[in-house]
N, C-alpha and C. Protein backbone atom coordinates (compact mmCIF):
# COMPACT_ATOMS: atom_id res chain seq x y z
N UNK A 1 0.83 -1.04 0.00
CA UNK A 1 -0.21 0.03 -0.17
C UNK A 1 0.94 1.16 -0.04
N UNK A 2 0.18 1.82 -1.15
CA UNK A 2 1.50 3.11 -0.71
C UNK A 2 0.92 4.48 0.11
N UNK A 3 2.30 5.35 0.30
CA UNK A 3 1.86 6.21 1.51
C UNK A 3 0.61 7.13 1.31
N UNK A 4 0.02 7.69 -0.31
CA UNK A 4 -1.09 7.95 -0.36
C UNK A 4 -2.22 7.51 -0.10
N UNK A 5 -2.18 6.24 -0.44
CA UNK A 5 -3.84 5.42 -0.03
C UNK A 5 -3.97 5.16 1.12
N UNK A 6 -2.99 5.17 1.81
CA UNK A 6 -2.65 5.04 3.67
C UNK A 6 -3.05 6.25 4.40
N UNK A 7 -3.10 7.26 3.67
CA UNK A 7 -3.13 8.38 4.33
C UNK A 7 -4.97 8.64 4.12
N UNK A 8 -5.26 8.01 2.67
CA UNK A 8 -6.97 8.21 2.65
C UNK A 8 -7.63 7.00 3.33
N UNK A 9 -6.71 5.71 3.76
CA UNK A 9 -7.74 4.92 4.41
C UNK A 9 -7.48 6.47 5.98
N UNK A 10 -7.11 6.38 6.51
CA UNK A 10 -6.84 7.13 7.53
C UNK A 10 -7.84 7.99 8.14
N UNK A 11 -8.24 8.49 6.45
CA UNK A 11 -9.20 9.75 6.90
C UNK A 11 -10.81 8.99 6.85
N UNK A 12 -10.25 9.02 5.98
CA UNK A 12 -11.80 7.49 5.98
C UNK A 12 -12.13 6.82 6.76
N UNK A 13 -11.58 6.23 7.97
CA UNK A 13 -11.86 5.65 9.29
C UNK A 13 -11.93 6.80 10.14
N UNK A 14 -11.25 7.77 10.20
CA UNK A 14 -11.06 9.28 10.96
C UNK A 14 -12.95 9.69 11.22
N UNK A 15 -13.37 9.89 9.46
CA UNK A 15 -14.68 10.48 9.10
C UNK A 15 -15.75 9.08 9.82
N UNK A 16 -15.44 8.18 9.51
CA UNK A 16 -16.54 7.02 10.05
C UNK A 16 -16.50 6.81 11.78
N UNK A 17 -15.20 6.96 12.60
CA UNK A 17 -15.41 7.20 13.95
C UNK A 17 -15.78 8.23 13.93
N UNK A 18 -15.62 9.27 13.91
CA UNK A 18 -16.17 10.49 14.11
C UNK A 18 -17.68 10.58 13.62
N UNK A 19 -18.34 10.11 13.09
CA UNK A 19 -19.75 9.45 12.97
C UNK A 19 -20.24 8.83 13.69
N UNK A 20 -19.70 7.66 14.13
CA UNK A 20 -20.32 6.80 15.00
C UNK A 20 -20.50 7.04 16.61
N UNK A 21 -19.19 8.41 16.65
CA UNK A 21 -19.77 9.28 17.91
C UNK A 21 -20.77 10.23 18.18
N UNK A 22 -20.84 10.61 17.27
CA UNK A 22 -21.72 11.75 17.07
C UNK A 22 -22.94 11.38 16.71
N UNK A 23 -22.97 10.25 16.07
CA UNK A 23 -24.87 10.15 15.95
C UNK A 23 -25.83 9.52 17.14
N UNK A 24 -25.16 9.20 17.92
CA UNK A 24 -25.75 8.86 19.21
C UNK A 24 -26.08 10.10 19.81
N UNK A 25 -24.85 10.97 19.86
CA UNK A 25 -25.25 12.37 20.21
C UNK A 25 -26.21 12.86 20.09
N UNK A 26 -26.40 12.95 18.30
CA UNK A 26 -27.41 13.98 18.14
C UNK A 26 -28.83 13.31 18.07
N UNK A 27 -29.02 11.80 18.44
CA UNK A 27 -30.10 11.31 18.86
C UNK A 27 -30.63 11.43 19.76
N UNK A 28 -29.78 11.64 21.05
CA UNK A 28 -29.81 12.01 22.25
C UNK A 28 -30.59 13.53 22.39
N UNK A 29 -29.49 14.77 21.89
CA UNK A 29 -30.30 15.78 22.01
C UNK A 29 -31.57 16.09 21.43
N UNK A 30 -31.85 15.68 20.55
CA UNK A 30 -32.86 15.34 19.71
C UNK A 30 -34.52 14.95 20.68
N UNK A 31 -34.13 13.73 21.59
CA UNK A 31 -35.20 13.37 22.63
C UNK A 31 -35.43 14.02 23.58
N UNK A 32 -36.80 14.57 23.50
CA UNK A 32 -36.85 15.83 24.59
C UNK A 32 -38.04 14.75 25.55
N UNK A 33 -37.84 15.51 26.90
CA UNK A 33 -38.68 14.55 28.12
C UNK A 33 -39.99 14.07 27.53
N UNK A 34 -40.74 13.36 28.07
CA UNK A 34 -42.08 13.06 27.28
C UNK A 34 -42.97 14.16 28.44
N UNK A 35 -43.52 14.82 27.28
CA UNK A 35 -44.99 15.90 27.48
C UNK A 35 -45.63 15.63 28.52
N UNK A 36 -46.47 16.34 29.47
CA UNK A 36 -47.74 15.56 29.80
C UNK A 36 -48.73 16.01 28.68
N UNK A 37 -49.91 15.23 29.09
CA UNK A 37 -51.14 15.17 28.61
C UNK A 37 -51.50 16.82 28.46
N UNK A 38 -51.84 17.26 30.02
CA UNK A 38 -52.39 18.39 30.15
C UNK A 38 -51.28 19.73 29.64
N UNK A 39 -50.58 19.68 29.47
CA UNK A 39 -49.90 20.73 28.90
C UNK A 39 -50.46 21.85 27.88
N UNK A 40 -51.00 21.01 27.18
CA UNK A 40 -51.18 21.81 25.46
C UNK A 40 -53.20 22.33 25.55
N UNK A 41 -53.76 21.81 27.09
CA UNK A 41 -54.90 22.42 27.07
C UNK A 41 -54.88 22.33 28.99
N UNK A 42 -55.95 23.42 29.15
CA UNK A 42 -56.03 23.41 30.69
C UNK A 42 -56.32 22.45 31.18
N UNK A 43 -56.23 22.29 32.65
CA UNK A 43 -56.73 21.05 33.52
C UNK A 43 -58.25 21.14 33.97
N UNK A 44 -59.41 20.62 33.91
CA UNK A 44 -60.65 20.51 33.95
C UNK A 44 -60.99 19.99 35.50
N UNK A 45 -61.59 21.31 36.13
CA UNK A 45 -61.76 20.20 37.41
C UNK A 45 -62.61 19.49 37.81
N UNK A 46 -62.86 18.40 38.46
CA UNK A 46 -63.21 17.17 39.16
C UNK A 46 -64.76 17.30 39.29
N UNK A 47 -65.80 17.43 39.03
CA UNK A 47 -66.98 17.84 39.63
C UNK A 47 -67.41 16.11 39.66
N UNK A 48 -67.77 16.50 41.29
CA UNK A 48 -68.02 15.10 41.86
C UNK A 48 -69.39 14.62 41.68
N UNK A 49 -69.86 13.61 41.22
CA UNK A 49 -71.48 13.22 40.47
C UNK A 49 -72.59 12.81 41.78
N UNK A 50 -73.42 13.56 41.60
CA UNK A 50 -74.47 13.18 42.69
C UNK A 50 -75.37 12.01 42.75
N UNK A 51 -75.75 11.75 44.10
CA UNK A 51 -76.03 10.22 44.36
C UNK A 51 -77.88 10.56 43.95
N UNK A 52 -78.02 9.51 43.19
CA UNK A 52 -79.42 9.85 42.29
C UNK A 52 -80.52 9.66 43.75
N UNK A 53 -81.17 10.52 43.25
CA UNK A 53 -82.48 10.59 44.68
C UNK A 53 -83.15 8.88 44.77
N UNK A 54 -83.50 8.40 45.68
CA UNK A 54 -84.07 7.01 45.39
C UNK A 54 -85.43 7.17 45.30
N UNK A 55 -86.28 6.59 44.56
CA UNK A 55 -87.00 6.43 44.25
C UNK A 55 -88.50 5.97 44.92
N UNK A 56 -89.70 7.15 44.91
CA UNK A 56 -90.82 6.46 46.40
C UNK A 56 -91.36 5.02 45.94
N UNK A 57 -91.52 5.02 46.97
CA UNK A 57 -92.08 2.70 47.10
C UNK A 57 -93.73 3.30 47.23
N UNK A 58 -94.44 2.91 45.95
CA UNK A 58 -95.69 2.57 46.04
C UNK A 58 -96.01 1.37 46.95
N UNK A 59 -97.17 1.72 47.32
CA UNK A 59 -97.53 0.17 48.55
C UNK A 59 -98.35 0.11 47.24
N UNK A 60 -99.38 -1.23 47.78
CA UNK A 60 -100.15 -1.87 47.23
C UNK A 60 -101.32 -1.34 46.95
N UNK A 61 -101.65 -0.55 48.10
CA UNK A 61 -103.01 0.36 48.32
C UNK A 61 -103.01 1.56 47.05
N UNK A 62 -101.93 1.66 47.25
CA UNK A 62 -101.52 3.08 46.09
C UNK A 62 -101.87 2.54 44.60
N UNK A 63 -101.18 1.47 44.45
CA UNK A 63 -101.26 1.27 43.11
C UNK A 63 -102.60 0.57 42.71
N UNK A 64 -103.63 0.09 43.16
CA UNK A 64 -104.79 0.07 42.45
C UNK A 64 -105.80 1.11 42.81
N UNK A 65 -105.15 2.04 43.82
CA UNK A 65 -106.08 3.31 43.67
C UNK A 65 -105.54 3.64 42.06
N UNK A 66 -104.42 3.92 41.73
CA UNK A 66 -103.91 4.44 40.34
C UNK A 66 -104.75 3.75 39.68
N UNK A 67 -104.88 2.39 39.70
CA UNK A 67 -105.55 1.66 38.46
C UNK A 67 -107.02 2.09 38.54
N UNK A 68 -107.43 1.89 39.40
CA UNK A 68 -109.08 2.55 39.03
C UNK A 68 -109.40 4.01 38.82
N UNK A 69 -108.58 5.24 39.21
CA UNK A 69 -108.92 6.10 38.70
C UNK A 69 -108.12 6.61 37.17
N UNK A 70 -107.68 5.24 36.69
CA UNK A 70 -107.63 5.53 35.17
C UNK A 70 -107.45 4.19 34.43
N UNK A 71 -108.83 3.92 34.17
CA UNK A 71 -109.22 2.44 33.24
C UNK A 71 -108.69 3.31 32.11
N UNK A 72 -108.53 1.44 31.29
CA UNK A 72 -107.81 1.31 29.92
C UNK A 72 -109.59 1.66 29.05
N UNK A 73 -108.88 2.53 28.05
CA UNK A 73 -110.11 2.88 27.10
C UNK A 73 -109.92 2.08 26.35
N UNK A 74 -111.14 1.16 26.04
CA UNK A 74 -111.41 0.13 25.07
C UNK A 74 -111.40 0.62 23.60
N UNK A 75 -111.58 0.08 22.69
CA UNK A 75 -112.13 0.36 21.45
C UNK A 75 -112.62 -0.56 20.67
N UNK A 76 -112.71 -1.53 21.28
CA UNK A 76 -113.67 -2.95 20.60
C UNK A 76 -112.74 -3.56 20.47
N UNK A 77 -112.61 -4.94 20.14
CA UNK A 77 -111.69 -5.74 19.22
C UNK A 77 -110.68 -5.56 18.50
N UNK A 78 -109.97 -5.80 18.78
CA UNK A 78 -108.91 -5.57 17.63
C UNK A 78 -109.15 -6.11 16.46
N UNK A 79 -108.85 -4.91 14.99
CA UNK A 79 -108.93 -5.07 14.17
C UNK A 79 -108.27 -6.05 13.19
N UNK A 80 -108.48 -6.87 12.32
CA UNK A 80 -106.85 -7.61 11.40
C UNK A 80 -106.63 -6.73 10.11
N UNK A 81 -105.36 -6.11 10.15
CA UNK A 81 -105.61 -5.67 8.78
C UNK A 81 -104.95 -6.96 7.81
N UNK A 82 -105.18 -6.60 6.72
CA UNK A 82 -105.11 -7.52 5.65
C UNK A 82 -103.32 -7.04 5.59
N UNK A 83 -102.76 -8.44 5.23
CA UNK A 83 -101.57 -7.81 4.00
C UNK A 83 -101.44 -6.94 3.19
N UNK A 84 -100.29 -6.00 2.86
CA UNK A 84 -100.42 -5.67 1.48
C UNK A 84 -100.08 -6.31 0.33
N UNK A 85 -101.10 -5.69 -0.88
CA UNK A 85 -101.03 -6.74 -1.51
C UNK A 85 -99.20 -6.72 -1.93
N UNK A 86 -99.04 -7.69 -2.88
CA UNK A 86 -97.60 -7.61 -3.62
C UNK A 86 -97.14 -6.63 -4.73
N UNK A 87 -95.85 -6.02 -4.73
CA UNK A 87 -96.07 -4.96 -5.39
C UNK A 87 -96.31 -5.08 -7.04
N UNK A 88 -95.82 -5.94 -7.49
CA UNK A 88 -96.16 -6.42 -8.80
C UNK A 88 -96.91 -7.59 -8.63
N UNK A 89 -98.20 -8.29 -10.26
CA UNK A 89 -98.84 -9.39 -9.96
C UNK A 89 -98.15 -9.87 -11.15
N UNK A 90 -97.70 -9.40 -11.85
CA UNK A 90 -97.13 -9.75 -13.24
C UNK A 90 -95.69 -10.80 -13.22
N UNK A 91 -96.11 -11.58 -13.70
CA UNK A 91 -94.49 -12.67 -13.13
C UNK A 91 -93.16 -11.86 -13.97
N UNK A 92 -91.97 -11.93 -13.00
CA UNK A 92 -90.74 -11.51 -13.74
C UNK A 92 -90.68 -12.04 -14.88
N UNK A 93 -90.10 -11.70 -16.32
CA UNK A 93 -89.56 -11.44 -17.26
C UNK A 93 -88.85 -12.35 -16.94
N UNK A 94 -88.70 -13.05 -18.16
CA UNK A 94 -86.98 -13.87 -18.61
C UNK A 94 -86.61 -13.62 -19.59
N UNK A 95 -85.08 -13.47 -19.69
CA UNK A 95 -84.90 -13.43 -20.93
C UNK A 95 -83.61 -14.15 -21.07
N UNK A 96 -83.19 -14.23 -22.65
CA UNK A 96 -81.88 -15.58 -23.06
C UNK A 96 -81.14 -14.70 -22.82
N UNK A 97 -79.96 -15.21 -23.42
CA UNK A 97 -78.39 -15.70 -23.29
C UNK A 97 -78.74 -13.54 -24.10
N UNK A 98 -78.96 -13.82 -25.05
CA UNK A 98 -78.94 -12.22 -26.11
C UNK A 98 -79.55 -11.30 -25.15
N UNK A 99 -80.73 -11.70 -24.21
CA UNK A 99 -81.38 -10.05 -23.75
C UNK A 99 -82.50 -10.09 -24.55
N UNK A 100 -83.44 -10.98 -25.26
CA UNK A 100 -84.68 -11.10 -25.72
C UNK A 100 -85.58 -11.73 -24.78
N UNK A 101 -86.61 -11.72 -24.68
CA UNK A 101 -87.78 -11.80 -23.82
C UNK A 101 -88.38 -13.36 -24.32
N UNK A 102 -88.31 -14.53 -23.14
CA UNK A 102 -88.26 -15.58 -23.71
C UNK A 102 -90.00 -15.91 -23.24
N UNK A 103 -90.80 -16.32 -24.21
CA UNK A 103 -92.29 -16.73 -23.77
C UNK A 103 -92.31 -17.90 -22.96
N UNK A 104 -93.01 -18.02 -21.81
CA UNK A 104 -93.06 -19.41 -21.68
C UNK A 104 -92.43 -19.74 -20.20
N UNK A 105 -92.00 -18.65 -20.01
CA UNK A 105 -90.56 -19.12 -18.99
C UNK A 105 -91.18 -19.06 -17.24
N UNK A 106 -90.88 -19.37 -16.94
CA UNK A 106 -91.82 -19.16 -15.14
C UNK A 106 -90.13 -18.98 -14.30
N UNK A 107 -90.03 -18.12 -13.12
CA UNK A 107 -89.29 -18.34 -12.15
C UNK A 107 -89.40 -19.59 -11.01
N UNK A 108 -88.78 -20.39 -10.86
CA UNK A 108 -89.22 -21.41 -10.10
C UNK A 108 -88.03 -21.04 -8.92
N UNK A 109 -87.27 -20.16 -8.74
CA UNK A 109 -86.86 -20.21 -7.24
C UNK A 109 -85.73 -19.09 -7.67
N UNK A 110 -85.06 -19.03 -6.27
CA UNK A 110 -83.97 -17.55 -6.42
C UNK A 110 -83.27 -18.44 -7.55
N UNK A 111 -83.06 -17.42 -8.84
CA UNK A 111 -81.81 -17.65 -9.99
C UNK A 111 -82.22 -19.01 -10.08
N UNK A 112 -83.47 -19.66 -10.48
CA UNK A 112 -83.67 -20.58 -10.73
C UNK A 112 -85.11 -20.12 -12.37
N UNK A 113 -85.37 -21.25 -13.30
CA UNK A 113 -86.13 -20.35 -14.15
C UNK A 113 -86.68 -21.84 -14.58
N UNK A 114 -87.75 -22.48 -15.45
CA UNK A 114 -88.41 -22.85 -15.57
C UNK A 114 -89.02 -22.64 -16.84
N UNK A 115 -88.55 -23.82 -18.04
CA UNK A 115 -88.97 -23.46 -19.45
C UNK A 115 -90.21 -24.53 -19.48
N UNK A 116 -91.62 -23.96 -19.09
CA UNK A 116 -92.60 -24.68 -19.52
C UNK A 116 -93.36 -25.55 -20.91
N UNK A 117 -92.25 -25.11 -22.03
CA UNK A 117 -92.63 -25.92 -23.01
C UNK A 117 -92.08 -27.20 -22.58
N UNK A 118 -90.39 -27.39 -22.54
CA UNK A 118 -89.58 -28.31 -22.49
C UNK A 118 -89.15 -29.17 -21.12
N UNK A 119 -89.93 -28.35 -20.05
CA UNK A 119 -89.52 -28.90 -18.56
C UNK A 119 -88.28 -28.84 -17.84
N UNK A 120 -87.60 -28.36 -18.81
CA UNK A 120 -86.02 -27.90 -18.07
C UNK A 120 -86.27 -26.51 -17.19
N UNK A 121 -84.91 -26.59 -16.56
CA UNK A 121 -84.64 -25.66 -15.45
C UNK A 121 -83.40 -24.98 -16.17
N UNK A 122 -83.38 -23.59 -15.69
CA UNK A 122 -82.31 -23.14 -16.12
C UNK A 122 -81.73 -22.90 -14.90
N UNK A 123 -80.03 -22.24 -14.87
CA UNK A 123 -79.72 -21.76 -13.85
C UNK A 123 -79.73 -20.09 -14.22
N UNK A 124 -79.97 -18.99 -13.58
CA UNK A 124 -80.26 -17.55 -14.03
C UNK A 124 -79.97 -16.71 -12.99
N UNK A 125 -79.69 -15.42 -13.64
CA UNK A 125 -79.24 -13.85 -12.75
C UNK A 125 -80.15 -13.07 -12.79
N UNK A 126 -79.98 -12.06 -11.36
CA UNK A 126 -80.98 -11.15 -11.87
C UNK A 126 -80.75 -10.38 -12.72
N UNK A 127 -81.49 -9.90 -13.36
CA UNK A 127 -81.22 -8.56 -14.34
C UNK A 127 -82.52 -7.50 -13.79
N UNK A 128 -82.52 -6.14 -13.83
CA UNK A 128 -83.19 -5.05 -13.81
C UNK A 128 -84.40 -5.40 -13.59
N UNK A 129 -85.33 -5.79 -14.31
CA UNK A 129 -87.12 -6.18 -13.87
C UNK A 129 -86.89 -7.77 -13.89
N UNK A 130 -85.80 -8.11 -13.81
CA UNK A 130 -86.26 -10.08 -14.24
C UNK A 130 -85.39 -10.89 -14.18
N UNK A 131 -84.89 -12.04 -14.91
CA UNK A 131 -84.31 -12.80 -14.76
C UNK A 131 -83.49 -13.09 -16.01
N UNK A 132 -81.91 -13.07 -16.18
CA UNK A 132 -81.54 -13.58 -17.85
C UNK A 132 -80.90 -14.88 -17.68
N UNK A 133 -80.97 -15.53 -18.22
CA UNK A 133 -80.45 -16.74 -18.43
C UNK A 133 -78.83 -17.24 -18.63
N UNK A 134 -78.47 -17.96 -17.95
CA UNK A 134 -76.45 -17.99 -17.37
C UNK A 134 -76.37 -18.67 -18.84
N UNK A 135 -75.22 -17.69 -19.26
CA UNK A 135 -74.87 -18.69 -20.75
C UNK A 135 -73.88 -19.93 -20.38
């Protein structure tokens, strides 16, 4: 090794050592003491909670007296409300693979349609206002 190379190596190692010494010092200098949560806002005084007042105890005589003075108003027998009619009474439309309406098809269940002419069932997917046969 030449003299020039050894001087360059010494400078290099000196720089590495000085960085190794200075880096921890810089890191420690950046770390500050942990701040308290109340440093950024004023402390709020703690208000003790008030104990709830005990509820008055009703005796059986008071309960029956309240029932006698406030009878239940009757409007007669309960009325039976019929269920609302379905939104549409028309059967759902069934479309073929190309988007054309297929006459004679009926929905047999969720995602299933029945071809009434042939008696075959097909898988379908919901589309818009009906079902579309899967390709």
